C-alpha atoms as a PDB file:
ATOM      1  CA  UNK A   1     -55.453 -23.641 -45.234  1.00  0.00           C
ATOM      2  CA  UNK A   2     -54.263 -23.672 -41.703  1.00  0.00           C
ATOM      3  CA  UNK A   3     -51.402 -21.320 -40.645  1.00  0.00           C
ATOM      4  CA  UNK A   4     -49.565 -22.180 -37.576  1.00  0.00           C
ATOM      5  CA  UNK A   5     -47.758 -19.696 -35.196  1.00  0.00           C
ATOM      6  CA  UNK A   6     -44.468 -20.222 -37.027  1.00  0.00           C
ATOM      7  CA  UNK A   7     -45.854 -19.376 -40.429  1.00  0.00           C
ATOM      8  CA  UNK A   8     -47.667 -16.203 -39.140  1.00  0.00           C
ATOM      9  CA  UNK A   9     -44.401 -15.061 -37.505  1.00  0.00           C
ATOM     10  CA  UNK A  10     -42.571 -15.596 -40.744  1.00  0.00           C
ATOM     11  CA  UNK A  11     -45.138 -13.651 -42.690  1.00  0.00           C
ATOM     12  CA  UNK A  12     -44.914 -10.684 -40.228  1.00  0.00           C
ATOM     13  CA  UNK A  13     -41.244 -10.667 -40.430  1.00  0.00           C
ATOM     14  CA  UNK A  14     -41.443 -10.590 -44.262  1.00  0.00           C
ATOM     15  CA  UNK A  15     -43.980  -7.730 -44.170  1.00  0.00           C
ATOM     16  CA  UNK A  16     -41.766  -5.719 -41.774  1.00  0.00           C
ATOM     17  CA  UNK A  17     -38.773  -6.227 -44.010  1.00  0.00           C
ATOM     18  CA  UNK A  18     -40.535  -5.385 -47.146  1.00  0.00           C
ATOM     19  CA  UNK A  19     -42.478  -2.250 -45.891  1.00  0.00           C
ATOM     20  CA  UNK A  20     -40.279  -1.163 -43.076  1.00  0.00           C
ATOM     21  CA  UNK A  21     -41.464   0.077 -39.576  1.00  0.00           C
ATOM     22  CA  UNK A  22     -42.480   3.531 -40.832  1.00  0.00           C
ATOM     23  CA  UNK A  23     -45.024   2.177 -43.344  1.00  0.00           C
ATOM     24  CA  UNK A  24     -46.642  -0.397 -41.118  1.00  0.00           C
ATOM     25  CA  UNK A  25     -49.143   2.030 -39.291  1.00  0.00           C
ATOM     26  CA  UNK A  26     -50.188   3.374 -42.603  1.00  0.00           C
ATOM     27  CA  UNK A  27     -50.588  -0.046 -44.137  1.00  0.00           C
ATOM     28  CA  UNK A  28     -52.611  -1.170 -41.038  1.00  0.00           C
ATOM     29  CA  UNK A  29     -54.846   1.921 -41.328  1.00  0.00           C
ATOM     30  CA  UNK A  30     -55.667   1.221 -44.973  1.00  0.00           C
ATOM     31  CA  UNK A  31     -56.244  -2.447 -44.297  1.00  0.00           C
ATOM     32  CA  UNK A  32     -58.676  -1.517 -41.523  1.00  0.00           C
ATOM     33  CA  UNK A  33     -60.464   0.979 -43.749  1.00  0.00           C
ATOM     34  CA  UNK A  34     -60.842  -1.745 -46.436  1.00  0.00           C
ATOM     35  CA  UNK A  35     -62.183  -4.311 -44.083  1.00  0.00           C
ATOM     36  CA  UNK A  36     -64.658  -1.655 -42.578  1.00  0.00           C
ATOM     37  CA  UNK A  37     -65.882  -0.740 -46.084  1.00  0.00           C
ATOM     38  CA  UNK A  38     -66.292  -4.459 -47.007  1.00  0.00           C
ATOM     39  CA  UNK A  39     -68.309  -5.135 -43.819  1.00  0.00           C
ATOM     40  CA  UNK A  40     -70.459  -2.096 -44.400  1.00  0.00           C
ATOM     41  CA  UNK A  41     -71.154  -3.172 -47.972  1.00  0.00           C
ATOM     42  CA  UNK A  42     -72.221  -6.652 -46.899  1.00  0.00           C
ATOM     43  CA  UNK A  43     -74.335  -5.372 -44.226  1.00  0.00           C
ATOM     44  CA  UNK A  44     -76.195  -2.998 -46.616  1.00  0.00           C
ATOM     45  CA  UNK A  45     -76.694  -5.742 -49.126  1.00  0.00           C
ATOM     46  CA  UNK A  46     -77.984  -8.162 -46.326  1.00  0.00           C
ATOM     47  CA  UNK A  47     -80.505  -5.356 -45.048  1.00  0.00           C
ATOM     48  CA  UNK A  48     -81.726  -4.806 -48.505  1.00  0.00           C
ATOM     49  CA  UNK A  49     -82.317  -8.501 -49.174  1.00  0.00           C
ATOM     50  CA  UNK A  50     -84.059  -8.845 -45.797  1.00  0.00           C
ATOM     51  CA  UNK A  51     -86.288  -5.843 -46.537  1.00  0.00           C
ATOM     52  CA  UNK A  52     -87.299  -7.188 -49.927  1.00  0.00           C
ATOM     53  CA  UNK A  53     -88.444 -10.491 -48.354  1.00  0.00           C
ATOM     54  CA  UNK A  54     -90.360  -8.557 -45.616  1.00  0.00           C
ATOM     55  CA  UNK A  55     -92.376  -6.733 -48.076  1.00  0.00           C
ATOM     56  CA  UNK A  56     -95.796  -8.303 -48.322  1.00  0.00           C
ATOM     57  CA  UNK A  57     -96.618  -9.618 -51.800  1.00  0.00           C
ATOM     58  CA  UNK A  58     -99.704  -8.126 -53.401  1.00  0.00           C
ATOM     59  CA  UNK A  59    -102.853 -10.088 -53.130  1.00  0.00           C
ATOM     60  CA  UNK A  60    -103.831 -11.778 -56.356  1.00  0.00           C
ATOM     61  CA  UNK A  61    -106.574  -9.962 -58.184  1.00  0.00           C
ATOM     62  CA  UNK A  62    -109.658 -11.890 -58.931  1.00  0.00           C
ATOM     63  CA  UNK A  63    -110.472 -12.631 -62.487  1.00  0.00           C
ATOM     64  CA  UNK A  64    -113.809 -11.218 -63.681  1.00  0.00           C
ATOM     65  CA  UNK A  65    -116.605 -13.788 -63.481  1.00  0.00           C
ATOM     66  CA  UNK A  66    -118.238 -14.534 -66.692  1.00  0.00           C
ATOM     67  CA  UNK A  67    -121.416 -16.465 -67.163  1.00  0.00           C
END
């Protein structure tokens, strides 16, 4: 889905008409917070996965030798 400059301008005009100039800073702030939380969550999940792979597996225990 490629958006050209014309489509982006049209979307921005529609957003301006729907929300008005007074609500745009508030809308931008909440959008930024949402993106920040999403990035934080994905980073935490990635760090947890990397940590679980770095943990050394336990050495296999030898079976008792029977004669």
